């Protein structure tokens, strides 16, 4: 894998000369992959699977949503920017295009778009408050 280009907002916080092994779970298919620090979870998934879910790559659409099941914010991963509400993030959900590996122990379940979409927008779509 190429050394990733660190997002401008995260420059100085990530060191692409270091590498970390992360675990990805895509609908029960579990793979581990070693990636340079500063690689997005989505980019890591693309090294294993041909077409993991994503659309905009800008932290807006929720297509690439995943759920952190191992590792802590600031220790195993950092988030560049996203549009998720705090209540959604508090449940471990992230947008994988904006979630960057920065340490050991990161484990992510991929393909959580439907869950995140329901939490983010379902109440508006179905008239719930």
Protein backbone atom coordinates (compact mmCIF):
# COMPACT_ATOMS: atom_id res chain seq x y z
CA UNK A 1 0.00 0.00 0.00
CA UNK A 2 1.20 3.51 -0.78
CA UNK A 3 1.94 5.94 2.00
CA UNK A 4 -1.35 7.77 2.53
CA UNK A 5 -1.79 11.48 2.06
CA UNK A 6 -2.71 12.79 5.50
CA UNK A 7 -5.74 15.12 5.47
CA UNK A 8 -4.80 18.76 6.02
CA UNK A 9 -6.81 18.90 9.25
CA UNK A 10 -4.76 16.01 10.67
CA UNK A 11 -1.28 17.06 9.54
CA UNK A 12 1.22 16.76 12.35
CA UNK A 13 -1.02 14.34 14.26
CA UNK A 14 -0.34 11.27 12.10
CA UNK A 15 2.94 9.62 11.12
CA UNK A 16 2.64 7.58 7.88
CA UNK A 17 6.08 6.03 8.54
CA UNK A 18 4.45 3.86 11.24
CA UNK A 19 2.20 0.89 10.41
CA UNK A 20 -0.63 -0.75 12.31
CA UNK A 21 -2.58 -3.97 11.92
CA UNK A 22 -6.34 -3.53 12.00
CA UNK A 23 -9.22 -5.99 11.89
CA UNK A 24 -12.11 -5.45 9.49
CA UNK A 25 -15.39 -7.35 9.52
CA UNK A 26 -17.42 -7.08 6.34
CA UNK A 27 -20.68 -8.98 6.86
CA UNK A 28 -18.91 -11.79 8.74
CA UNK A 29 -15.83 -11.95 6.51
CA UNK A 30 -13.06 -10.98 8.94
CA UNK A 31 -9.71 -9.85 7.59
CA UNK A 32 -6.66 -8.27 9.16
CA UNK A 33 -4.60 -5.80 7.21
CA UNK A 34 -1.45 -3.82 7.99
CA UNK A 35 -1.63 -0.21 6.87
CA UNK A 36 0.43 2.93 7.32
CA UNK A 37 -0.76 5.31 10.01
CA UNK A 38 -3.07 7.88 8.46
CA UNK A 39 -4.81 5.37 6.21
CA UNK A 40 -8.58 5.69 6.34
CA UNK A 41 -10.55 2.63 7.35
CA UNK A 42 -12.24 2.79 3.95
CA UNK A 43 -8.86 2.76 2.17
CA UNK A 44 -7.81 -0.22 4.30
CA UNK A 45 -11.03 -2.05 3.36
CA UNK A 46 -10.33 -1.38 -0.31
CA UNK A 47 -7.06 -3.31 -0.02
CA UNK A 48 -9.05 -6.41 0.94
CA UNK A 49 -12.40 -6.14 -0.83
CA UNK A 50 -13.11 -4.92 -4.34
CA UNK A 51 -16.01 -2.62 -3.55
CA UNK A 52 -16.70 -1.81 0.11
CA UNK A 53 -19.67 0.55 0.56
CA UNK A 54 -18.97 4.24 -0.08
CA UNK A 55 -20.24 7.11 -2.18
CA UNK A 56 -19.04 10.61 -1.37
CA UNK A 57 -15.72 10.10 0.53
CA UNK A 58 -16.39 13.43 2.25
CA UNK A 59 -18.03 12.37 5.52
CA UNK A 60 -21.54 13.35 4.48
CA UNK A 61 -23.54 10.53 2.90
CA UNK A 62 -23.24 7.70 5.53
CA UNK A 63 -22.77 5.04 2.81
CA UNK A 64 -19.43 3.97 4.28
CA UNK A 65 -20.67 3.81 7.88
CA UNK A 66 -18.99 1.35 10.18
CA UNK A 67 -18.93 0.56 13.88
CA UNK A 68 -15.84 0.57 16.08
CA UNK A 69 -15.74 -2.64 18.14
CA UNK A 70 -12.11 -2.41 19.30
CA UNK A 71 -9.78 0.50 19.92
CA UNK A 72 -10.25 3.95 21.37
CA UNK A 73 -10.64 7.35 19.78
CA UNK A 74 -7.32 9.17 19.91
CA UNK A 75 -5.37 5.96 20.56
CA UNK A 76 -6.27 3.60 17.69
CA UNK A 77 -8.07 6.03 15.40
CA UNK A 78 -8.87 9.68 14.81
CA UNK A 79 -11.76 11.24 12.95
CA UNK A 80 -11.12 13.96 10.42
CA UNK A 81 -14.65 15.27 9.93
CA UNK A 82 -18.09 13.79 9.55
CA UNK A 83 -21.78 14.54 9.75
CA UNK A 84 -22.77 12.04 12.43
CA UNK A 85 -24.70 13.20 15.47
CA UNK A 86 -23.03 12.72 18.87
CA UNK A 87 -25.59 10.10 19.93
CA UNK A 88 -24.64 8.02 16.88
CA UNK A 89 -20.90 8.42 17.55
CA UNK A 90 -21.45 7.52 21.21
CA UNK A 91 -22.71 4.12 20.02
CA UNK A 92 -19.41 3.54 18.20
CA UNK A 93 -20.48 4.43 14.68
CA UNK A 94 -18.11 6.22 12.33
CA UNK A 95 -17.83 7.14 8.69
CA UNK A 96 -14.96 4.97 7.50
CA UNK A 97 -13.87 7.49 4.86
CA UNK A 98 -13.08 9.99 7.63
CA UNK A 99 -11.73 7.56 10.26
CA UNK A 100 -7.92 7.24 10.21
CA UNK A 101 -5.75 4.56 11.78
CA UNK A 102 -3.30 5.95 14.34
CA UNK A 103 -2.49 3.09 16.71
CA UNK A 104 -2.95 -0.56 17.69
CA UNK A 105 -6.11 -2.49 18.40
CA UNK A 106 -8.53 -1.03 15.87
CA UNK A 107 -11.42 -3.35 14.96
CA UNK A 108 -14.23 -2.16 12.70
CA UNK A 109 -17.47 -3.68 11.48
CA UNK A 110 -18.22 -2.38 7.99
CA UNK A 111 -21.49 -2.00 6.08
CA UNK A 112 -23.49 -0.29 8.83
CA UNK A 113 -25.19 2.24 6.55
CA UNK A 114 -28.75 1.12 7.25
CA UNK A 115 -28.26 1.34 11.02
CA UNK A 116 -26.66 4.77 10.84
CA UNK A 117 -29.15 6.10 8.32
CA UNK A 118 -32.01 5.00 10.58
CA UNK A 119 -30.47 6.71 13.63
CA UNK A 120 -29.56 9.87 11.76
CA UNK A 121 -32.56 10.40 9.52
CA UNK A 122 -35.20 7.77 10.23
CA UNK A 123 -37.02 9.82 12.80
CA UNK A 124 -37.52 12.58 10.25
CA UNK A 125 -38.43 10.24 7.43
CA UNK A 126 -40.97 8.34 9.49
CA UNK A 127 -42.35 11.29 11.47
CA UNK A 128 -40.72 10.30 14.76
CA UNK A 129 -39.23 12.87 17.10
